[in-house]
Amino acid sequence: MRPGRWLRQLAVLALLFLIMLVIAELRAPPEQLTADGKQVHVVDGDSLQIGERTVRLQGIDAVEFHQPCRTPEGSEWHCGVEARKALAALTGRGELVCEPHATDNFGRAISTCSVEGIADIGAALVAQGWAVSGDGEREGLHAVEEAAARAAKRGIWRGTFQRPAEWRAAHPRSTPPVPAS
């Protein structure tokens, strides 16, 4: 092998390595997201917009904003709207701090978020009955909270509903939901 060709191959490998580092850095979540001076928008029952960053609460799956539920009598109610209101009420309690653990395929920071008096907003939403534990494929970390909400018929458990992952599969989104302030 000629020395010139070997140097070109080494330069190409070095360039590829640098590109991979840049991509990894762009996909890495920040150390911590706070609401310090940033506007927080509640997108739906498990997603927030903090400044330019979208946050998805880890370990839960809330009913979608446009998703309906049914009362025990069979009438439809807007449980997705209620789930978003519940998340807005929790985030409005004080200084919001989110600790990202990963970034999903949509670029959202999968995070555990807390506010004054609540260490994990996701666990609180499951306990209130506005979300299920897990992501539709795995049980999740909040099975005890889900069982308690179900037994007490809180939130979505007061009637019937379709699991959020199943509802999303049956109702693909053409546009993103409108964030609430």
N, C-alpha and C. Protein backbone atom coordinates (compact mmCIF):
# COMPACT_ATOMS: atom_id res chain seq x y z
N MET A 1 0.84 -1.17 0.00
CA MET A 1 0.00 0.00 0.00
C MET A 1 0.89 1.24 0.00
N ARG A 2 0.57 2.20 -0.83
CA ARG A 2 1.35 3.43 -0.91
C ARG A 2 1.05 4.32 0.28
N PRO A 3 2.04 5.10 0.75
CA PRO A 3 1.86 5.97 1.93
C PRO A 3 0.74 6.99 1.73
N GLY A 4 0.57 7.53 0.55
CA GLY A 4 -0.48 8.53 0.29
C GLY A 4 -1.87 7.95 0.48
N ARG A 5 -2.06 6.74 -0.01
CA ARG A 5 -3.37 6.09 0.10
C ARG A 5 -3.68 5.78 1.55
N TRP A 6 -2.69 5.32 2.29
CA TRP A 6 -2.87 5.00 3.71
C TRP A 6 -3.26 6.25 4.49
N LEU A 7 -2.64 7.38 4.21
CA LEU A 7 -2.96 8.64 4.90
C LEU A 7 -4.38 9.10 4.57
N ARG A 8 -4.81 8.94 3.32
CA ARG A 8 -6.18 9.30 2.94
C ARG A 8 -7.20 8.46 3.69
N GLN A 9 -6.93 7.15 3.79
CA GLN A 9 -7.84 6.26 4.51
C GLN A 9 -7.90 6.63 5.99
N LEU A 10 -6.77 6.97 6.56
CA LEU A 10 -6.72 7.39 7.96
C LEU A 10 -7.51 8.69 8.15
N ALA A 11 -7.38 9.61 7.21
CA ALA A 11 -8.10 10.89 7.28
C ALA A 11 -9.61 10.66 7.19
N VAL A 12 -10.03 9.75 6.31
CA VAL A 12 -11.45 9.43 6.18
C VAL A 12 -11.98 8.80 7.47
N LEU A 13 -11.21 7.89 8.06
CA LEU A 13 -11.62 7.27 9.32
C LEU A 13 -11.72 8.31 10.43
N ALA A 14 -10.76 9.22 10.49
CA ALA A 14 -10.79 10.27 11.51
C ALA A 14 -12.02 11.16 11.32
N LEU A 15 -12.34 11.50 10.07
CA LEU A 15 -13.51 12.32 9.79
C LEU A 15 -14.80 11.59 10.19
N LEU A 16 -14.90 10.31 9.89
CA LEU A 16 -16.08 9.54 10.29
C LEU A 16 -16.22 9.49 11.81
N PHE A 17 -15.12 9.33 12.50
CA PHE A 17 -15.13 9.32 13.96
C PHE A 17 -15.64 10.65 14.50
N LEU A 18 -15.18 11.76 13.95
CA LEU A 18 -15.64 13.08 14.38
C LEU A 18 -17.12 13.27 14.11
N ILE A 19 -17.60 12.82 12.98
CA ILE A 19 -19.03 12.92 12.66
C ILE A 19 -19.85 12.12 13.67
N MET A 20 -19.38 10.92 14.02
CA MET A 20 -20.10 10.10 15.00
C MET A 20 -20.13 10.79 16.37
N LEU A 21 -19.04 11.44 16.76
CA LEU A 21 -19.01 12.17 18.03
C LEU A 21 -20.01 13.32 18.03
N VAL A 22 -20.08 14.05 16.93
CA VAL A 22 -21.03 15.16 16.83
C VAL A 22 -22.45 14.65 16.91
N ILE A 23 -22.77 13.59 16.21
CA ILE A 23 -24.12 13.01 16.25
C ILE A 23 -24.45 12.54 17.66
N ALA A 24 -23.54 11.88 18.33
CA ALA A 24 -23.77 11.42 19.69
C ALA A 24 -24.03 12.60 20.63
N GLU A 25 -23.29 13.67 20.46
CA GLU A 25 -23.47 14.85 21.31
C GLU A 25 -24.83 15.50 21.06
N LEU A 26 -25.25 15.57 19.80
CA LEU A 26 -26.55 16.15 19.48
C LEU A 26 -27.70 15.33 20.04
N ARG A 27 -27.56 14.01 20.08
CA ARG A 27 -28.63 13.14 20.58
C ARG A 27 -28.62 13.02 22.10
N ALA A 28 -27.53 13.38 22.73
CA ALA A 28 -27.43 13.25 24.19
C ALA A 28 -28.33 14.28 24.86
N PRO A 29 -29.07 13.87 25.87
CA PRO A 29 -29.92 14.84 26.57
C PRO A 29 -29.05 15.76 27.42
N PRO A 30 -29.57 16.94 27.72
CA PRO A 30 -28.82 17.82 28.60
C PRO A 30 -28.77 17.24 30.01
N GLU A 31 -27.88 17.75 30.82
CA GLU A 31 -27.74 17.26 32.20
C GLU A 31 -29.04 17.46 32.98
N GLN A 32 -29.65 18.63 32.83
CA GLN A 32 -30.85 18.91 33.58
C GLN A 32 -31.63 20.00 32.85
N LEU A 33 -32.93 19.86 32.81
CA LEU A 33 -33.78 20.88 32.22
C LEU A 33 -34.57 21.53 33.35
N THR A 34 -34.56 22.84 33.39
CA THR A 34 -35.35 23.53 34.41
C THR A 34 -36.22 24.56 33.72
N ALA A 35 -37.15 25.07 34.46
CA ALA A 35 -38.03 26.10 33.92
C ALA A 35 -37.49 27.49 34.21
N ASP A 36 -36.25 27.59 34.69
CA ASP A 36 -35.66 28.90 34.98
C ASP A 36 -35.76 29.82 33.77
N GLY A 37 -36.66 30.75 33.83
CA GLY A 37 -36.78 31.74 32.76
C GLY A 37 -37.30 31.19 31.45
N LYS A 38 -37.67 29.93 31.40
CA LYS A 38 -38.16 29.34 30.16
C LYS A 38 -39.66 29.06 30.30
N GLN A 39 -40.36 29.29 29.24
CA GLN A 39 -41.78 29.00 29.22
C GLN A 39 -41.99 27.49 29.16
N VAL A 40 -42.91 26.98 29.97
CA VAL A 40 -43.24 25.56 29.97
C VAL A 40 -44.65 25.42 29.38
N HIS A 41 -44.74 24.59 28.35
CA HIS A 41 -46.03 24.29 27.73
C HIS A 41 -46.33 22.81 27.96
N VAL A 42 -47.55 22.52 28.34
CA VAL A 42 -47.98 21.14 28.49
C VAL A 42 -48.56 20.71 27.15
N VAL A 43 -47.97 19.72 26.54
CA VAL A 43 -48.41 19.26 25.22
C VAL A 43 -49.59 18.31 25.37
N ASP A 44 -49.42 17.30 26.21
CA ASP A 44 -50.49 16.35 26.50
C ASP A 44 -50.25 15.80 27.90
N GLY A 45 -50.79 14.66 28.22
CA GLY A 45 -50.70 14.14 29.57
C GLY A 45 -49.35 13.62 29.99
N ASP A 46 -48.39 13.50 29.06
CA ASP A 46 -47.06 13.01 29.44
C ASP A 46 -45.92 13.72 28.71
N SER A 47 -46.21 14.87 28.10
CA SER A 47 -45.18 15.60 27.35
C SER A 47 -45.23 17.09 27.66
N LEU A 48 -44.02 17.67 27.76
CA LEU A 48 -43.86 19.09 28.04
C LEU A 48 -42.93 19.71 27.02
N GLN A 49 -43.09 20.98 26.81
CA GLN A 49 -42.15 21.76 26.01
C GLN A 49 -41.53 22.77 26.97
N ILE A 50 -40.21 22.66 27.19
CA ILE A 50 -39.48 23.59 28.05
C ILE A 50 -38.52 24.35 27.16
N GLY A 51 -38.82 25.59 26.91
CA GLY A 51 -38.01 26.35 25.95
C GLY A 51 -38.08 25.67 24.60
N GLU A 52 -36.94 25.30 24.07
CA GLU A 52 -36.88 24.64 22.76
C GLU A 52 -36.91 23.12 22.86
N ARG A 53 -36.86 22.58 24.07
CA ARG A 53 -36.71 21.13 24.26
C ARG A 53 -38.04 20.48 24.62
N THR A 54 -38.36 19.36 23.96
CA THR A 54 -39.54 18.58 24.30
C THR A 54 -39.14 17.48 25.26
N VAL A 55 -39.93 17.31 26.31
CA VAL A 55 -39.67 16.34 27.36
C VAL A 55 -40.82 15.35 27.40
N ARG A 56 -40.50 14.08 27.47
CA ARG A 56 -41.51 13.01 27.63
C ARG A 56 -41.23 12.37 28.98
N LEU A 57 -42.27 12.28 29.82
CA LEU A 57 -42.09 11.72 31.15
C LEU A 57 -41.76 10.24 31.07
N GLN A 58 -40.75 9.84 31.81
CA GLN A 58 -40.27 8.46 31.77
C GLN A 58 -41.21 7.52 32.52
N GLY A 59 -41.42 6.34 31.93
CA GLY A 59 -42.09 5.24 32.61
C GLY A 59 -43.60 5.29 32.63
N ILE A 60 -44.21 6.23 31.89
CA ILE A 60 -45.67 6.30 31.86
C ILE A 60 -46.16 6.47 30.43
N ASP A 61 -47.45 6.24 30.25
CA ASP A 61 -48.11 6.49 28.98
C ASP A 61 -49.48 7.06 29.29
N ALA A 62 -49.65 8.35 29.05
CA ALA A 62 -50.92 9.01 29.33
C ALA A 62 -51.84 8.90 28.12
N VAL A 63 -53.13 8.98 28.38
CA VAL A 63 -54.08 9.01 27.28
C VAL A 63 -53.77 10.23 26.42
N GLU A 64 -53.97 10.10 25.13
CA GLU A 64 -53.65 11.17 24.18
C GLU A 64 -54.66 12.31 24.30
N PHE A 65 -54.23 13.51 23.92
CA PHE A 65 -55.05 14.70 24.08
C PHE A 65 -56.44 14.54 23.45
N HIS A 66 -56.50 13.98 22.26
CA HIS A 66 -57.79 13.82 21.57
C HIS A 66 -58.47 12.49 21.88
N GLN A 67 -57.92 11.72 22.78
CA GLN A 67 -58.46 10.40 23.09
C GLN A 67 -59.66 10.50 24.03
N PRO A 68 -60.77 9.85 23.67
CA PRO A 68 -61.92 9.83 24.57
C PRO A 68 -61.90 8.60 25.48
N CYS A 69 -62.63 8.71 26.57
CA CYS A 69 -62.89 7.58 27.46
C CYS A 69 -64.40 7.46 27.59
N ARG A 70 -64.85 6.41 28.26
CA ARG A 70 -66.29 6.22 28.47
C ARG A 70 -66.57 6.13 29.96
N THR A 71 -67.67 6.74 30.34
CA THR A 71 -68.12 6.63 31.74
C THR A 71 -68.70 5.25 31.95
N PRO A 72 -68.96 4.84 33.19
CA PRO A 72 -69.60 3.54 33.41
C PRO A 72 -70.97 3.42 32.73
N GLU A 73 -71.62 4.57 32.53
CA GLU A 73 -72.93 4.58 31.85
C GLU A 73 -72.80 4.52 30.34
N GLY A 74 -71.56 4.66 29.83
CA GLY A 74 -71.33 4.54 28.40
C GLY A 74 -71.18 5.85 27.65
N SER A 75 -71.33 6.98 28.32
CA SER A 75 -71.16 8.25 27.60
C SER A 75 -69.68 8.60 27.48
N GLU A 76 -69.36 9.30 26.41
CA GLU A 76 -67.98 9.65 26.12
C GLU A 76 -67.58 10.92 26.87
N TRP A 77 -66.34 10.95 27.35
CA TRP A 77 -65.80 12.18 27.96
C TRP A 77 -64.36 12.36 27.49
N HIS A 78 -63.87 13.57 27.57
CA HIS A 78 -62.57 13.93 27.01
C HIS A 78 -61.46 13.71 28.04
N CYS A 79 -61.11 12.46 28.25
CA CYS A 79 -60.10 12.13 29.25
C CYS A 79 -58.71 12.64 28.87
N GLY A 80 -58.42 12.73 27.58
CA GLY A 80 -57.13 13.26 27.15
C GLY A 80 -56.95 14.71 27.54
N VAL A 81 -58.03 15.49 27.44
CA VAL A 81 -58.00 16.89 27.87
C VAL A 81 -57.78 16.96 29.38
N GLU A 82 -58.46 16.08 30.11
CA GLU A 82 -58.31 16.05 31.57
C GLU A 82 -56.90 15.63 31.99
N ALA A 83 -56.29 14.71 31.25
CA ALA A 83 -54.92 14.29 31.56
C ALA A 83 -53.96 15.46 31.37
N ARG A 84 -54.14 16.23 30.31
CA ARG A 84 -53.29 17.40 30.08
C ARG A 84 -53.49 18.43 31.19
N LYS A 85 -54.74 18.63 31.62
CA LYS A 85 -55.00 19.57 32.72
C LYS A 85 -54.32 19.10 34.01
N ALA A 86 -54.31 17.79 34.24
CA ALA A 86 -53.68 17.25 35.45
C ALA A 86 -52.17 17.50 35.43
N LEU A 87 -51.53 17.29 34.28
CA LEU A 87 -50.10 17.56 34.16
C LEU A 87 -49.82 19.05 34.33
N ALA A 88 -50.68 19.90 33.77
CA ALA A 88 -50.51 21.35 33.92
C ALA A 88 -50.61 21.76 35.39
N ALA A 89 -51.55 21.16 36.11
CA ALA A 89 -51.70 21.48 37.53
C ALA A 89 -50.46 21.06 38.32
N LEU A 90 -49.90 19.91 38.00
CA LEU A 90 -48.71 19.44 38.71
C LEU A 90 -47.50 20.32 38.39
N THR A 91 -47.31 20.66 37.13
CA THR A 91 -46.15 21.48 36.77
C THR A 91 -46.28 22.91 37.30
N GLY A 92 -47.49 23.33 37.56
CA GLY A 92 -47.73 24.67 38.09
C GLY A 92 -47.50 24.81 39.59
N ARG A 93 -47.12 23.75 40.26
CA ARG A 93 -46.94 23.77 41.71
C ARG A 93 -45.67 24.47 42.17
N GLY A 94 -44.72 24.62 41.31
CA GLY A 94 -43.46 25.23 41.72
C GLY A 94 -42.40 25.04 40.66
N GLU A 95 -41.14 25.22 41.07
CA GLU A 95 -40.02 25.11 40.13
C GLU A 95 -39.93 23.70 39.56
N LEU A 96 -40.01 23.61 38.26
CA LEU A 96 -39.96 22.33 37.55
C LEU A 96 -38.51 21.99 37.23
N VAL A 97 -38.12 20.76 37.56
CA VAL A 97 -36.78 20.27 37.24
C VAL A 97 -36.94 18.90 36.59
N CYS A 98 -36.34 18.72 35.43
CA CYS A 98 -36.42 17.44 34.72
C CYS A 98 -35.01 16.89 34.52
N GLU A 99 -34.84 15.64 34.89
CA GLU A 99 -33.55 14.96 34.72
C GLU A 99 -33.67 13.97 33.56
N PRO A 100 -33.07 14.30 32.42
CA PRO A 100 -33.15 13.41 31.26
C PRO A 100 -32.32 12.13 31.48
N HIS A 101 -32.86 11.03 30.96
CA HIS A 101 -32.17 9.75 31.04
C HIS A 101 -31.78 9.24 29.66
N ALA A 102 -32.50 9.68 28.65
CA ALA A 102 -32.26 9.22 27.28
C ALA A 102 -32.95 10.18 26.33
N THR A 103 -32.72 9.96 25.06
CA THR A 103 -33.42 10.69 24.01
C THR A 103 -34.11 9.66 23.12
N ASP A 104 -35.40 9.89 22.84
CA ASP A 104 -36.13 8.92 22.02
C ASP A 104 -35.95 9.20 20.53
N ASN A 105 -36.60 8.40 19.70
CA ASN A 105 -36.47 8.52 18.24
C ASN A 105 -37.00 9.84 17.70
N PHE A 106 -37.81 10.54 18.49
CA PHE A 106 -38.37 11.82 18.06
C PHE A 106 -37.56 13.00 18.60
N GLY A 107 -36.43 12.71 19.28
CA GLY A 107 -35.60 13.77 19.81
C GLY A 107 -36.05 14.30 21.16
N ARG A 108 -37.04 13.66 21.76
CA ARG A 108 -37.53 14.11 23.06
C ARG A 108 -36.63 13.59 24.17
N ALA A 109 -36.44 14.41 25.19
CA ALA A 109 -35.67 14.00 26.36
C ALA A 109 -36.58 13.17 27.27
N ILE A 110 -36.31 11.87 27.37
CA ILE A 110 -37.08 11.00 28.27
C ILE A 110 -36.57 11.30 29.68
N SER A 111 -37.46 11.85 30.52
CA SER A 111 -37.01 12.45 31.77
C SER A 111 -37.89 12.10 32.95
N THR A 112 -37.29 12.19 34.13
CA THR A 112 -38.02 12.18 35.38
C THR A 112 -38.08 13.64 35.81
N CYS A 113 -39.29 14.15 36.01
CA CYS A 113 -39.48 15.55 36.37
C CYS A 113 -40.05 15.65 37.77
N SER A 114 -39.66 16.72 38.45
CA SER A 114 -40.15 16.95 39.81
C SER A 114 -40.54 18.42 39.97
N VAL A 115 -41.39 18.64 40.94
CA VAL A 115 -41.76 20.00 41.37
C VAL A 115 -41.79 19.97 42.89
N GLU A 116 -41.99 21.10 43.47
CA GLU A 116 -42.03 21.19 44.93
C GLU A 116 -43.02 20.17 45.50
N GLY A 117 -42.51 19.29 46.36
CA GLY A 117 -43.35 18.31 47.03
C GLY A 117 -43.63 17.04 46.25
N ILE A 118 -43.21 16.98 44.99
CA ILE A 118 -43.45 15.79 44.16
C ILE A 118 -42.14 15.40 43.49
N ALA A 119 -41.59 14.25 43.88
CA ALA A 119 -40.30 13.81 43.35
C ALA A 119 -40.40 13.28 41.93
N ASP A 120 -41.56 12.74 41.54
CA ASP A 120 -41.73 12.15 40.21
C ASP A 120 -43.14 12.47 39.72
N ILE A 121 -43.25 13.43 38.82
CA ILE A 121 -44.55 13.84 38.30
C ILE A 121 -45.23 12.67 37.58
N GLY A 122 -44.44 11.84 36.89
CA GLY A 122 -45.02 10.68 36.18
C GLY A 122 -45.71 9.74 37.14
N ALA A 123 -45.08 9.43 38.27
CA ALA A 123 -45.69 8.57 39.28
C ALA A 123 -46.96 9.19 39.82
N ALA A 124 -46.95 10.51 40.01
CA ALA A 124 -48.13 11.21 40.51
C ALA A 124 -49.29 11.11 39.52
N LEU A 125 -48.99 11.25 38.22
CA LEU A 125 -50.05 11.14 37.21
C LEU A 125 -50.65 9.74 37.17
N VAL A 126 -49.81 8.72 37.31
CA VAL A 126 -50.31 7.35 37.35
C VAL A 126 -51.18 7.15 38.59
N ALA A 127 -50.73 7.67 39.74
CA ALA A 127 -51.48 7.54 40.99
C ALA A 127 -52.83 8.26 40.91
N GLN A 128 -52.87 9.38 40.19
CA GLN A 128 -54.12 10.11 40.01
C GLN A 128 -55.04 9.45 38.99
N GLY A 129 -54.50 8.50 38.23
CA GLY A 129 -55.31 7.80 37.25
C GLY A 129 -55.31 8.42 35.87
N TRP A 130 -54.35 9.30 35.55
CA TRP A 130 -54.32 9.95 34.24
C TRP A 130 -53.34 9.31 33.27
N ALA A 131 -52.62 8.31 33.73
CA ALA A 131 -51.66 7.62 32.87
C ALA A 131 -51.53 6.18 33.35
N VAL A 132 -51.03 5.33 32.47
CA VAL A 132 -50.74 3.95 32.84
C VAL A 132 -49.23 3.81 33.03
N SER A 133 -48.86 2.85 33.82
CA SER A 133 -47.44 2.58 34.05
C SER A 133 -46.88 1.86 32.85
N GLY A 134 -45.72 2.28 32.41
CA GLY A 134 -45.08 1.64 31.26
C GLY A 134 -45.33 2.40 29.99
N ASP A 135 -44.89 1.81 28.91
CA ASP A 135 -44.99 2.47 27.61
C ASP A 135 -45.85 1.71 26.61
N GLY A 136 -46.65 0.80 27.10
CA GLY A 136 -47.49 0.00 26.21
C GLY A 136 -46.89 -1.34 25.89
N GLU A 137 -45.57 -1.47 26.03
CA GLU A 137 -44.90 -2.74 25.78
C GLU A 137 -44.35 -3.35 27.06
N ARG A 138 -43.97 -2.47 27.99
CA ARG A 138 -43.42 -2.93 29.27
C ARG A 138 -44.30 -2.40 30.40
N GLU A 139 -44.30 -3.13 31.52
CA GLU A 139 -45.16 -2.75 32.64
C GLU A 139 -44.79 -1.41 33.23
N GLY A 140 -43.54 -1.11 33.39
CA GLY A 140 -43.13 0.17 33.92
C GLY A 140 -42.85 0.14 35.41
N LEU A 141 -42.45 1.29 35.91
CA LEU A 141 -42.00 1.42 37.29
C LEU A 141 -43.12 1.71 38.28
N HIS A 142 -44.30 2.03 37.79
CA HIS A 142 -45.36 2.53 38.66
C HIS A 142 -46.57 1.61 38.72
N ALA A 143 -46.32 0.30 38.73
CA ALA A 143 -47.42 -0.67 38.76
C ALA A 143 -48.24 -0.55 40.04
N VAL A 144 -47.60 -0.26 41.16
CA VAL A 144 -48.32 -0.12 42.44
C VAL A 144 -49.27 1.07 42.38
N GLU A 145 -48.78 2.20 41.84
CA GLU A 145 -49.62 3.39 41.71
C GLU A 145 -50.79 3.13 40.76
N GLU A 146 -50.52 2.40 39.67
CA GLU A 146 -51.58 2.08 38.72
C GLU A 146 -52.64 1.19 39.36
N ALA A 147 -52.23 0.19 40.10
CA ALA A 147 -53.19 -0.71 40.76
C ALA A 147 -54.05 0.06 41.76
N ALA A 148 -53.45 0.99 42.50
CA ALA A 148 -54.21 1.78 43.47
C ALA A 148 -55.21 2.69 42.76
N ALA A 149 -54.80 3.33 41.67
CA ALA A 149 -55.71 4.20 40.91
C ALA A 149 -56.86 3.39 40.31
N ARG A 150 -56.55 2.22 39.79
CA ARG A 150 -57.57 1.36 39.22
C ARG A 150 -58.57 0.92 40.29
N ALA A 151 -58.07 0.50 41.45
CA ALA A 151 -58.95 0.05 42.54
C ALA A 151 -59.83 1.18 43.05
N ALA A 152 -59.31 2.39 43.08
CA ALA A 152 -60.07 3.54 43.57
C ALA A 152 -60.90 4.20 42.47
N LYS A 153 -60.77 3.71 41.23
CA LYS A 153 -61.49 4.24 40.07
C LYS A 153 -61.21 5.74 39.86
N ARG A 154 -59.92 6.08 39.93
CA ARG A 154 -59.51 7.47 39.72
C ARG A 154 -59.20 7.70 38.25
N GLY A 155 -59.46 8.91 37.79
CA GLY A 155 -59.11 9.32 36.44
C GLY A 155 -59.71 8.42 35.38
N ILE A 156 -58.87 7.90 34.49
CA ILE A 156 -59.34 7.08 33.37
C ILE A 156 -59.93 5.75 33.84
N TRP A 157 -59.62 5.35 35.06
CA TRP A 157 -60.10 4.07 35.59
C TRP A 157 -61.54 4.14 36.07
N ARG A 158 -62.18 5.32 36.05
CA ARG A 158 -63.57 5.41 36.50
C ARG A 158 -64.54 4.84 35.47
N GLY A 159 -64.04 4.60 34.29
CA GLY A 159 -64.86 4.01 33.24
C GLY A 159 -64.01 3.08 32.40
N THR A 160 -64.17 3.17 31.08
CA THR A 160 -63.38 2.34 30.18
C THR A 160 -62.59 3.24 29.23
N PHE A 161 -61.47 2.70 28.76
CA PHE A 161 -60.63 3.44 27.83
C PHE A 161 -59.79 2.44 27.07
N GLN A 162 -59.26 2.89 25.97
CA GLN A 162 -58.32 2.09 25.19
C GLN A 162 -56.92 2.48 25.64
N ARG A 163 -56.04 1.50 25.82
CA ARG A 163 -54.66 1.79 26.21
C ARG A 163 -54.09 2.82 25.24
N PRO A 164 -53.34 3.80 25.75
CA PRO A 164 -52.83 4.86 24.87
C PRO A 164 -52.05 4.36 23.65
N ALA A 165 -51.21 3.36 23.82
CA ALA A 165 -50.43 2.84 22.67
C ALA A 165 -51.37 2.24 21.62
N GLU A 166 -52.41 1.56 22.07
CA GLU A 166 -53.38 0.98 21.13
C GLU A 166 -54.16 2.08 20.42
N TRP A 167 -54.54 3.12 21.17
CA TRP A 167 -55.29 4.22 20.58
C TRP A 167 -54.44 4.95 19.53
N ARG A 168 -53.16 5.19 19.84
CA ARG A 168 -52.27 5.85 18.87
C ARG A 168 -52.12 5.02 17.60
N ALA A 169 -52.01 3.71 17.75
CA ALA A 169 -51.87 2.83 16.58
C ALA A 169 -53.12 2.90 15.70
N ALA A 170 -54.28 3.02 16.32
CA ALA A 170 -55.53 3.08 15.57
C ALA A 170 -55.85 4.48 15.04
N HIS A 171 -55.18 5.51 15.60
CA HIS A 171 -55.45 6.91 15.22
C HIS A 171 -54.14 7.65 14.99
N PRO A 172 -53.44 7.36 13.88
CA PRO A 172 -52.17 8.04 13.62
C PRO A 172 -52.37 9.55 13.56
N ARG A 173 -51.42 10.28 14.11
CA ARG A 173 -51.50 11.73 14.21
C ARG A 173 -50.99 12.36 12.92
N SER A 174 -51.76 13.29 12.36
CA SER A 174 -51.31 13.99 11.17
C SER A 174 -50.60 15.29 11.55
N THR A 175 -51.00 15.89 12.67
CA THR A 175 -50.34 17.11 13.16
C THR A 175 -50.12 16.96 14.65
N PRO A 176 -49.08 17.63 15.16
CA PRO A 176 -48.83 17.53 16.60
C PRO A 176 -49.91 18.23 17.40
N PRO A 177 -50.15 17.83 18.65
CA PRO A 177 -51.15 18.49 19.47
C PRO A 177 -50.74 19.92 19.79
N VAL A 178 -51.70 20.75 20.07
CA VAL A 178 -51.44 22.14 20.39
C VAL A 178 -51.06 22.24 21.87
N PRO A 179 -49.88 22.81 22.16
CA PRO A 179 -49.48 22.92 23.57
C PRO A 179 -50.38 23.88 24.32
N ALA A 180 -50.64 23.59 25.59
CA ALA A 180 -51.36 24.50 26.48
C ALA A 180 -50.35 25.18 27.35
N SER A 181 -50.59 26.40 27.67
CA SER A 181 -49.66 27.14 28.55
C SER A 181 -49.86 26.77 29.98
